[in-house]
PDB file of N, CA and C in Angstrom:
ATOM      1  N   UNK A   1      33.586  44.759-129.439  1.00  0.00           N
ATOM      2  CA  UNK A   1      34.170  46.063-129.216  1.00  0.00           C
ATOM      3  C   UNK A   1      35.507  46.173-129.938  1.00  0.00           C
ATOM      4  N   UNK A   2      36.287  45.123-129.897  1.00  0.00           N
ATOM      5  CA  UNK A   2      37.608  45.169-130.543  1.00  0.00           C
ATOM      6  C   UNK A   2      37.479  45.397-132.047  1.00  0.00           C
ATOM      7  N   UNK A   3      36.545  44.693-132.671  1.00  0.00           N
ATOM      8  CA  UNK A   3      36.338  44.840-134.113  1.00  0.00           C
ATOM      9  C   UNK A   3      35.853  46.244-134.461  1.00  0.00           C
ATOM     10  N   UNK A   4      34.975  46.793-133.644  1.00  0.00           N
ATOM     11  CA  UNK A   4      34.468  48.141-133.889  1.00  0.00           C
ATOM     12  C   UNK A   4      35.585  49.161-133.748  1.00  0.00           C
ATOM     13  N   UNK A   5      36.437  48.995-132.738  1.00  0.00           N
ATOM     14  CA  UNK A   5      37.553  49.938-132.547  1.00  0.00           C
ATOM     15  C   UNK A   5      38.491  49.940-133.744  1.00  0.00           C
ATOM     16  N   UNK A   6      38.730  48.767-134.324  1.00  0.00           N
ATOM     17  CA  UNK A   6      39.603  48.689-135.495  1.00  0.00           C
ATOM     18  C   UNK A   6      39.011  49.439-136.682  1.00  0.00           C
ATOM     19  N   UNK A   7      37.691  49.472-136.765  1.00  0.00           N
ATOM     20  CA  UNK A   7      37.011  50.110-137.886  1.00  0.00           C
ATOM     21  C   UNK A   7      36.560  51.535-137.576  1.00  0.00           C
ATOM     22  N   UNK A   8      36.902  52.054-136.400  1.00  0.00           N
ATOM     23  CA  UNK A   8      36.379  53.345-135.945  1.00  0.00           C
ATOM     24  C   UNK A   8      36.645  54.482-136.935  1.00  0.00           C
ATOM     25  N   UNK A   9      37.840  54.587-137.470  1.00  0.00           N
ATOM     26  CA  UNK A   9      38.146  55.671-138.401  1.00  0.00           C
ATOM     27  C   UNK A   9      37.292  55.599-139.661  1.00  0.00           C
ATOM     28  N   UNK A  10      37.076  54.389-140.167  1.00  0.00           N
ATOM     29  CA  UNK A  10      36.222  54.216-141.341  1.00  0.00           C
ATOM     30  C   UNK A  10      34.782  54.611-141.020  1.00  0.00           C
ATOM     31  N   UNK A  11      34.288  54.246-139.852  1.00  0.00           N
ATOM     32  CA  UNK A  11      32.923  54.608-139.461  1.00  0.00           C
ATOM     33  C   UNK A  11      32.779  56.109-139.325  1.00  0.00           C
ATOM     34  N   UNK A  12      33.799  56.774-138.795  1.00  0.00           N
ATOM     35  CA  UNK A  12      33.728  58.225-138.643  1.00  0.00           C
ATOM     36  C   UNK A  12      33.637  58.918-139.997  1.00  0.00           C
ATOM     37  N   UNK A  13      34.338  58.382-141.001  1.00  0.00           N
ATOM     38  CA  UNK A  13      34.252  58.956-142.346  1.00  0.00           C
ATOM     39  C   UNK A  13      32.857  58.794-142.922  1.00  0.00           C
ATOM     40  N   UNK A  14      32.227  57.663-142.658  1.00  0.00           N
ATOM     41  CA  UNK A  14      30.892  57.382-143.199  1.00  0.00           C
ATOM     42  C   UNK A  14      29.807  58.115-142.415  1.00  0.00           C
ATOM     43  N   UNK A  15      29.853  58.023-141.095  1.00  0.00           N
ATOM     44  CA  UNK A  15      28.759  58.537-140.261  1.00  0.00           C
ATOM     45  C   UNK A  15      29.041  59.884-139.609  1.00  0.00           C
ATOM     46  N   UNK A  16      30.262  60.330-139.596  1.00  0.00           N
ATOM     47  CA  UNK A  16      30.582  61.605-138.969  1.00  0.00           C
ATOM     48  C   UNK A  16      30.235  61.626-137.499  1.00  0.00           C
ATOM     49  N   UNK A  17      29.422  62.576-137.107  1.00  0.00           N
ATOM     50  CA  UNK A  17      29.092  62.751-135.691  1.00  0.00           C
ATOM     51  C   UNK A  17      28.008  61.787-135.204  1.00  0.00           C
ATOM     52  N   UNK A  18      27.525  60.903-136.054  1.00  0.00           N
ATOM     53  CA  UNK A  18      26.489  59.945-135.653  1.00  0.00           C
ATOM     54  C   UNK A  18      27.065  58.745-134.913  1.00  0.00           C
ATOM     55  N   UNK A  19      28.354  58.746-134.664  1.00  0.00           N
ATOM     56  CA  UNK A  19      29.052  57.598-134.101  1.00  0.00           C
ATOM     57  C   UNK A  19      30.038  58.115-133.061  1.00  0.00           C
ATOM     58  N   UNK A  20      29.917  57.661-131.829  1.00  0.00           N
ATOM     59  CA  UNK A  20      30.803  58.184-130.795  1.00  0.00           C
ATOM     60  C   UNK A  20      31.077  57.148-129.714  1.00  0.00           C
ATOM     61  N   UNK A  21      32.310  57.144-129.238  1.00  0.00           N
ATOM     62  CA  UNK A  21      32.676  56.303-128.099  1.00  0.00           C
ATOM     63  C   UNK A  21      32.272  57.045-126.833  1.00  0.00           C
ATOM     64  N   UNK A  22      31.471  56.407-125.995  1.00  0.00           N
ATOM     65  CA  UNK A  22      30.995  57.018-124.756  1.00  0.00           C
ATOM     66  C   UNK A  22      31.237  56.054-123.600  1.00  0.00           C
ATOM     67  N   UNK A  23      31.031  56.537-122.405  1.00  0.00           N
ATOM     68  CA  UNK A  23      31.213  55.720-121.207  1.00  0.00           C
ATOM     69  C   UNK A  23      29.937  55.739-120.386  1.00  0.00           C
ATOM     70  N   UNK A  24      29.717  54.671-119.648  1.00  0.00           N
ATOM     71  CA  UNK A  24      28.590  54.609-118.719  1.00  0.00           C
ATOM     72  C   UNK A  24      29.005  53.809-117.501  1.00  0.00           C
ATOM     73  N   UNK A  25      28.268  53.930-116.429  1.00  0.00           N
ATOM     74  CA  UNK A  25      28.537  53.161-115.205  1.00  0.00           C
ATOM     75  C   UNK A  25      27.537  52.020-115.112  1.00  0.00           C
ATOM     76  N   UNK A  26      28.068  50.810-114.862  1.00  0.00           N
ATOM     77  CA  UNK A  26      27.190  49.655-114.729  1.00  0.00           C
ATOM     78  C   UNK A  26      26.618  49.593-113.318  1.00  0.00           C
ATOM     79  N   UNK A  27      25.913  48.522-113.007  1.00  0.00           N
ATOM     80  CA  UNK A  27      25.267  48.393-111.693  1.00  0.00           C
ATOM     81  C   UNK A  27      26.248  48.387-110.530  1.00  0.00           C
ATOM     82  N   UNK A  28      27.478  47.968-110.801  1.00  0.00           N
ATOM     83  CA  UNK A  28      28.508  47.937-109.762  1.00  0.00           C
ATOM     84  C   UNK A  28      29.340  49.212-109.753  1.00  0.00           C
ATOM     85  N   UNK A  29      28.873  50.232-110.461  1.00  0.00           N
ATOM     86  CA  UNK A  29      29.538  51.536-110.579  1.00  0.00           C
ATOM     87  C   UNK A  29      30.884  51.465-111.291  1.00  0.00           C
ATOM     88  N   UNK A  30      31.089  50.410-112.064  1.00  0.00           N
ATOM     89  CA  UNK A  30      32.310  50.288-112.858  1.00  0.00           C
ATOM     90  C   UNK A  30      32.109  51.030-114.173  1.00  0.00           C
ATOM     91  N   UNK A  31      33.119  51.791-114.580  1.00  0.00           N
ATOM     92  CA  UNK A  31      33.047  52.556-115.813  1.00  0.00           C
ATOM     93  C   UNK A  31      33.248  51.635-117.012  1.00  0.00           C
ATOM     94  N   UNK A  32      32.314  51.654-117.944  1.00  0.00           N
ATOM     95  CA  UNK A  32      32.354  50.797-119.129  1.00  0.00           C
ATOM     96  C   UNK A  32      32.302  51.664-120.381  1.00  0.00           C
ATOM     97  N   UNK A  33      32.853  51.142-121.469  1.00  0.00           N
ATOM     98  CA  UNK A  33      32.825  51.840-122.756  1.00  0.00           C
ATOM     99  C   UNK A  33      31.740  51.232-123.637  1.00  0.00           C
ATOM    100  N   UNK A  34      31.149  52.067-124.465  1.00  0.00           N
ATOM    101  CA  UNK A  34      30.199  51.606-125.468  1.00  0.00           C
ATOM    102  C   UNK A  34      30.178  52.622-126.597  1.00  0.00           C
ATOM    103  N   UNK A  35      29.578  52.259-127.696  1.00  0.00           N
ATOM    104  CA  UNK A  35      29.457  53.159-128.819  1.00  0.00           C
ATOM    105  C   UNK A  35      28.029  53.647-128.912  1.00  0.00           C
ATOM    106  N   UNK A  36      27.879  54.930-129.098  1.00  0.00           N
ATOM    107  CA  UNK A  36      26.570  55.537-129.246  1.00  0.00           C
ATOM    108  C   UNK A  36      26.340  55.809-130.719  1.00  0.00           C
ATOM    109  N   UNK A  37      25.246  55.266-131.235  1.00  0.00           N
ATOM    110  CA  UNK A  37      24.886  55.453-132.642  1.00  0.00           C
ATOM    111  C   UNK A  37      23.500  56.074-132.721  1.00  0.00           C
ATOM    112  N   UNK A  38      23.315  56.974-133.666  1.00  0.00           N
ATOM    113  CA  UNK A  38      21.984  57.512-133.892  1.00  0.00           C
ATOM    114  C   UNK A  38      21.217  56.574-134.820  1.00  0.00           C
ATOM    115  N   UNK A  39      19.935  56.768-134.962  1.00  0.00           N
ATOM    116  CA  UNK A  39      19.126  55.922-135.835  1.00  0.00           C
ATOM    117  C   UNK A  39      19.549  56.055-137.297  1.00  0.00           C
ATOM    118  N   UNK A  40      20.064  57.216-137.654  1.00  0.00           N
ATOM    119  CA  UNK A  40      20.485  57.406-139.042  1.00  0.00           C
ATOM    120  C   UNK A  40      21.832  56.772-139.240  1.00  0.00           C
TER     121      UNK A  40
END
């Protein structure tokens, strides 16, 4: 995650809206971060 965050601006230039930081709740209802990528 740390490496992806450092490269986030570069990824946004390449992929545009195909790359997004999102959140989800795990089994313990703790909020976690992840990146959502489309197949393209």
